């Protein structure tokens, strides 16, 4: 996609750049959507699946630490979702100019 503007200048395709811009917006939008869809799955995997399973292997005194680690793991997906949404918003702002 980075070389596409130069290729369209060389080949002089009139609508080529618009196609690449639309493909980029769709690509960033799809990434943001995938991140948002995986959020509930990750929270379910961390707290409904992993935490009860860890209770069999981890002493009760260490469960608070395990919960903190699972919370941090889940929030990495939240951070990735926010970064993806902000990246999409940044590109939409750039393209509006």
N, C-alpha and C. Protein backbone atom coordinates (compact mmCIF):
# COMPACT_ATOMS: atom_id res chain seq x y z
N UNK A 1 0.82 -1.20 0.00
CA UNK A 1 0.00 0.00 0.00
C UNK A 1 0.86 1.25 0.00
N UNK A 2 2.06 1.14 0.55
CA UNK A 2 2.92 2.32 0.57
C UNK A 2 3.42 2.68 -0.82
N UNK A 3 3.62 1.70 -1.65
CA UNK A 3 4.12 1.96 -3.00
C UNK A 3 2.99 2.27 -3.98
N UNK A 4 1.74 2.07 -3.57
CA UNK A 4 0.61 2.25 -4.49
C UNK A 4 0.52 3.65 -5.08
N UNK A 5 0.69 4.74 -4.33
CA UNK A 5 0.60 6.06 -4.97
C UNK A 5 1.62 6.25 -6.09
N UNK A 6 2.82 5.73 -5.89
CA UNK A 6 3.84 5.86 -6.94
C UNK A 6 3.49 5.01 -8.15
N UNK A 7 2.95 3.82 -7.92
CA UNK A 7 2.55 2.98 -9.04
C UNK A 7 1.41 3.61 -9.82
N UNK A 8 0.48 4.25 -9.12
CA UNK A 8 -0.64 4.88 -9.83
C UNK A 8 -0.19 6.12 -10.58
N UNK A 9 0.83 6.80 -10.08
CA UNK A 9 1.38 7.93 -10.82
C UNK A 9 2.08 7.45 -12.08
N UNK A 10 2.78 6.33 -11.99
CA UNK A 10 3.48 5.79 -13.15
C UNK A 10 2.51 5.24 -14.19
N UNK A 11 1.47 4.55 -13.74
CA UNK A 11 0.54 3.94 -14.69
C UNK A 11 -0.60 4.88 -15.07
N UNK A 12 -0.78 5.96 -14.34
CA UNK A 12 -1.80 6.99 -14.59
C UNK A 12 -3.23 6.44 -14.59
N UNK A 13 -3.49 5.56 -13.61
CA UNK A 13 -4.86 5.08 -13.43
C UNK A 13 -5.63 6.12 -12.63
N UNK A 14 -6.76 6.61 -13.13
CA UNK A 14 -7.44 7.71 -12.45
C UNK A 14 -8.08 7.33 -11.12
N UNK A 15 -8.67 6.18 -11.00
CA UNK A 15 -9.35 5.81 -9.76
C UNK A 15 -8.55 4.88 -8.89
N UNK A 16 -7.32 4.64 -9.24
CA UNK A 16 -6.50 3.68 -8.51
C UNK A 16 -6.22 4.09 -7.08
N UNK A 17 -5.92 5.36 -6.88
CA UNK A 17 -5.60 5.82 -5.54
C UNK A 17 -6.82 5.73 -4.63
N UNK A 18 -7.99 6.02 -5.17
CA UNK A 18 -9.22 5.91 -4.37
C UNK A 18 -9.48 4.47 -3.95
N UNK A 19 -9.16 3.54 -4.81
CA UNK A 19 -9.32 2.12 -4.48
C UNK A 19 -8.38 1.72 -3.35
N UNK A 20 -7.14 2.19 -3.40
CA UNK A 20 -6.17 1.87 -2.35
C UNK A 20 -6.59 2.51 -1.03
N UNK A 21 -7.07 3.74 -1.06
CA UNK A 21 -7.52 4.41 0.17
C UNK A 21 -8.72 3.67 0.76
N UNK A 22 -9.64 3.28 -0.09
CA UNK A 22 -10.81 2.53 0.40
C UNK A 22 -10.38 1.18 0.98
N UNK A 23 -9.44 0.51 0.33
CA UNK A 23 -8.95 -0.77 0.85
C UNK A 23 -8.25 -0.58 2.19
N UNK A 24 -7.51 0.51 2.35
CA UNK A 24 -6.83 0.78 3.62
C UNK A 24 -7.83 1.04 4.74
N UNK A 25 -8.86 1.83 4.46
CA UNK A 25 -9.89 2.12 5.47
C UNK A 25 -10.64 0.85 5.84
N UNK A 26 -10.96 0.03 4.87
CA UNK A 26 -11.64 -1.24 5.15
C UNK A 26 -10.73 -2.15 5.97
N UNK A 27 -9.44 -2.17 5.65
CA UNK A 27 -8.49 -2.99 6.39
C UNK A 27 -8.38 -2.55 7.85
N UNK A 28 -8.24 -1.25 8.08
CA UNK A 28 -8.16 -0.74 9.45
C UNK A 28 -9.48 -0.94 10.18
N UNK A 29 -10.58 -0.78 9.50
CA UNK A 29 -11.89 -0.99 10.11
C UNK A 29 -12.11 -2.44 10.50
N UNK A 30 -11.66 -3.35 9.65
CA UNK A 30 -11.78 -4.77 9.95
C UNK A 30 -10.93 -5.14 11.16
N UNK A 31 -9.73 -4.59 11.23
CA UNK A 31 -8.86 -4.86 12.39
C UNK A 31 -9.50 -4.36 13.67
N UNK A 32 -10.08 -3.16 13.63
CA UNK A 32 -10.74 -2.62 14.82
C UNK A 32 -11.93 -3.49 15.21
N UNK A 33 -12.69 -3.95 14.24
CA UNK A 33 -13.85 -4.79 14.52
C UNK A 33 -13.42 -6.13 15.13
N UNK A 34 -12.37 -6.72 14.61
CA UNK A 34 -11.88 -7.99 15.15
C UNK A 34 -11.43 -7.82 16.59
N UNK A 35 -10.73 -6.73 16.87
CA UNK A 35 -10.30 -6.48 18.25
C UNK A 35 -11.50 -6.31 19.18
N UNK A 36 -12.51 -5.62 18.73
CA UNK A 36 -13.69 -5.42 19.58
C UNK A 36 -14.46 -6.73 19.81
N UNK A 37 -14.48 -7.59 18.79
CA UNK A 37 -15.19 -8.86 18.93
C UNK A 37 -14.45 -9.79 19.89
N UNK A 38 -13.13 -9.73 19.91
CA UNK A 38 -12.37 -10.62 20.78
C UNK A 38 -12.35 -10.18 22.24
N UNK A 39 -12.77 -8.97 22.53
CA UNK A 39 -12.77 -8.51 23.93
C UNK A 39 -13.62 -9.39 24.85
N UNK A 40 -14.89 -9.65 24.53
CA UNK A 40 -15.66 -10.51 25.43
C UNK A 40 -15.11 -11.93 25.51
N UNK A 41 -14.55 -12.41 24.43
CA UNK A 41 -13.96 -13.75 24.43
C UNK A 41 -12.77 -13.80 25.39
N UNK A 42 -11.94 -12.77 25.37
CA UNK A 42 -10.77 -12.74 26.25
C UNK A 42 -11.18 -12.62 27.71
N UNK A 43 -12.15 -11.77 28.01
CA UNK A 43 -12.59 -11.65 29.39
C UNK A 43 -13.21 -12.96 29.88
N UNK A 44 -13.94 -13.64 29.02
CA UNK A 44 -14.51 -14.94 29.38
C UNK A 44 -13.40 -15.97 29.61
N UNK A 45 -12.40 -15.94 28.73
CA UNK A 45 -11.30 -16.90 28.87
C UNK A 45 -10.50 -16.65 30.14
N UNK A 46 -10.33 -15.40 30.50
CA UNK A 46 -9.53 -15.09 31.68
C UNK A 46 -10.27 -15.38 32.98
N UNK A 47 -11.51 -14.95 33.07
CA UNK A 47 -12.19 -14.99 34.36
C UNK A 47 -13.17 -16.15 34.52
N UNK A 48 -13.79 -16.59 33.46
CA UNK A 48 -14.75 -17.70 33.58
C UNK A 48 -14.11 -19.06 33.35
N UNK A 49 -13.02 -19.08 32.59
CA UNK A 49 -12.39 -20.36 32.27
C UNK A 49 -11.09 -20.58 33.05
N UNK A 50 -10.15 -19.62 32.96
CA UNK A 50 -8.83 -19.82 33.53
C UNK A 50 -8.83 -19.73 35.05
N UNK A 51 -9.55 -18.79 35.60
CA UNK A 51 -9.52 -18.61 37.05
C UNK A 51 -10.03 -19.83 37.81
N UNK A 52 -11.18 -20.41 37.43
CA UNK A 52 -11.59 -21.64 38.13
C UNK A 52 -10.61 -22.80 37.94
N UNK A 53 -10.00 -22.87 36.78
CA UNK A 53 -9.02 -23.93 36.53
C UNK A 53 -7.77 -23.74 37.38
N UNK A 54 -7.36 -22.49 37.56
CA UNK A 54 -6.16 -22.22 38.36
C UNK A 54 -6.38 -22.49 39.85
N UNK A 55 -7.63 -22.46 40.30
CA UNK A 55 -7.92 -22.74 41.72
C UNK A 55 -7.49 -24.14 42.12
N UNK A 56 -7.42 -25.05 41.15
CA UNK A 56 -6.99 -26.42 41.43
C UNK A 56 -5.47 -26.52 41.60
N UNK A 57 -4.72 -25.58 41.01
CA UNK A 57 -3.27 -25.69 40.98
C UNK A 57 -2.54 -24.65 41.84
N UNK A 58 -3.19 -23.54 42.12
CA UNK A 58 -2.55 -22.43 42.83
C UNK A 58 -3.06 -22.39 44.27
N UNK A 59 -2.17 -22.20 45.23
CA UNK A 59 -2.62 -22.09 46.63
C UNK A 59 -3.54 -20.89 46.81
N UNK A 60 -4.48 -20.96 47.75
CA UNK A 60 -5.44 -19.86 47.94
C UNK A 60 -4.79 -18.51 48.21
N UNK A 61 -3.63 -18.50 48.84
CA UNK A 61 -2.95 -17.23 49.11
C UNK A 61 -2.42 -16.55 47.86
N UNK A 62 -2.22 -17.31 46.79
CA UNK A 62 -1.69 -16.75 45.54
C UNK A 62 -2.78 -16.42 44.52
N UNK A 63 -4.03 -16.67 44.87
CA UNK A 63 -5.12 -16.43 43.92
C UNK A 63 -5.29 -14.94 43.60
N UNK A 64 -5.03 -14.07 44.58
CA UNK A 64 -5.15 -12.63 44.30
C UNK A 64 -4.12 -12.22 43.24
N UNK A 65 -2.92 -12.75 43.33
CA UNK A 65 -1.90 -12.46 42.33
C UNK A 65 -2.27 -13.01 40.96
N UNK A 66 -2.85 -14.21 40.94
CA UNK A 66 -3.28 -14.80 39.68
C UNK A 66 -4.39 -13.97 39.04
N UNK A 67 -5.29 -13.47 39.87
CA UNK A 67 -6.36 -12.62 39.35
C UNK A 67 -5.79 -11.34 38.76
N UNK A 68 -4.77 -10.77 39.40
CA UNK A 68 -4.14 -9.56 38.88
C UNK A 68 -3.46 -9.82 37.53
N UNK A 69 -2.80 -10.97 37.42
CA UNK A 69 -2.15 -11.31 36.16
C UNK A 69 -3.18 -11.52 35.06
N UNK A 70 -4.26 -12.21 35.36
CA UNK A 70 -5.31 -12.41 34.36
C UNK A 70 -5.98 -11.10 33.98
N UNK A 71 -6.13 -10.19 34.94
CA UNK A 71 -6.69 -8.87 34.63
C UNK A 71 -5.75 -8.11 33.69
N UNK A 72 -4.46 -8.17 33.96
CA UNK A 72 -3.49 -7.51 33.09
C UNK A 72 -3.53 -8.11 31.68
N UNK A 73 -3.67 -9.42 31.61
CA UNK A 73 -3.76 -10.07 30.29
C UNK A 73 -5.00 -9.60 29.53
N UNK A 74 -6.11 -9.52 30.23
CA UNK A 74 -7.34 -9.08 29.58
C UNK A 74 -7.23 -7.63 29.12
N UNK A 75 -6.57 -6.79 29.92
CA UNK A 75 -6.46 -5.39 29.54
C UNK A 75 -5.46 -5.14 28.42
N UNK A 76 -4.62 -6.12 28.09
CA UNK A 76 -3.80 -5.96 26.89
C UNK A 76 -4.69 -5.97 25.65
N UNK A 77 -5.76 -6.75 25.69
CA UNK A 77 -6.71 -6.76 24.58
C UNK A 77 -7.50 -5.46 24.53
N UNK A 78 -7.81 -4.89 25.67
CA UNK A 78 -8.49 -3.59 25.70
C UNK A 78 -7.58 -2.54 25.08
N UNK A 79 -6.30 -2.56 25.45
CA UNK A 79 -5.34 -1.60 24.89
C UNK A 79 -5.20 -1.77 23.38
N UNK A 80 -5.16 -3.01 22.91
CA UNK A 80 -5.05 -3.25 21.48
C UNK A 80 -6.30 -2.76 20.75
N UNK A 81 -7.46 -2.93 21.35
CA UNK A 81 -8.70 -2.45 20.74
C UNK A 81 -8.71 -0.94 20.65
N UNK A 82 -8.32 -0.28 21.73
CA UNK A 82 -8.27 1.18 21.71
C UNK A 82 -7.25 1.70 20.70
N UNK A 83 -6.10 1.05 20.63
CA UNK A 83 -5.09 1.47 19.65
C UNK A 83 -5.60 1.29 18.22
N UNK A 84 -6.31 0.21 17.98
CA UNK A 84 -6.85 -0.04 16.64
C UNK A 84 -7.91 1.00 16.27
N UNK A 85 -8.78 1.32 17.22
CA UNK A 85 -9.81 2.33 16.96
C UNK A 85 -9.19 3.70 16.75
N UNK A 86 -8.19 4.04 17.58
CA UNK A 86 -7.52 5.33 17.41
C UNK A 86 -6.76 5.41 16.09
N UNK A 87 -6.17 4.30 15.67
CA UNK A 87 -5.48 4.28 14.38
C UNK A 87 -6.47 4.50 13.23
N UNK A 88 -7.61 3.85 13.30
CA UNK A 88 -8.64 4.06 12.28
C UNK A 88 -9.11 5.51 12.28
N UNK A 89 -9.36 6.07 13.46
CA UNK A 89 -9.78 7.46 13.55
C UNK A 89 -8.73 8.43 13.03
N UNK A 90 -7.47 8.12 13.31
CA UNK A 90 -6.39 8.98 12.81
C UNK A 90 -6.36 8.99 11.29
N UNK A 91 -6.49 7.81 10.68
CA UNK A 91 -6.48 7.76 9.22
C UNK A 91 -7.71 8.43 8.61
N UNK A 92 -8.85 8.28 9.24
CA UNK A 92 -10.04 8.95 8.73
C UNK A 92 -9.88 10.46 8.82
N UNK A 93 -9.26 10.94 9.88
CA UNK A 93 -9.01 12.38 10.01
C UNK A 93 -8.04 12.86 8.95
N UNK A 94 -6.99 12.09 8.70
CA UNK A 94 -6.02 12.45 7.67
C UNK A 94 -6.68 12.49 6.31
N UNK A 95 -7.53 11.53 6.02
CA UNK A 95 -8.15 11.45 4.69
C UNK A 95 -9.21 12.52 4.48
N UNK A 96 -9.77 13.07 5.55
CA UNK A 96 -10.78 14.14 5.39
C UNK A 96 -10.16 15.46 4.94
N UNK A 97 -8.89 15.64 5.19
CA UNK A 97 -8.23 16.91 4.85
C UNK A 97 -8.08 17.12 3.41
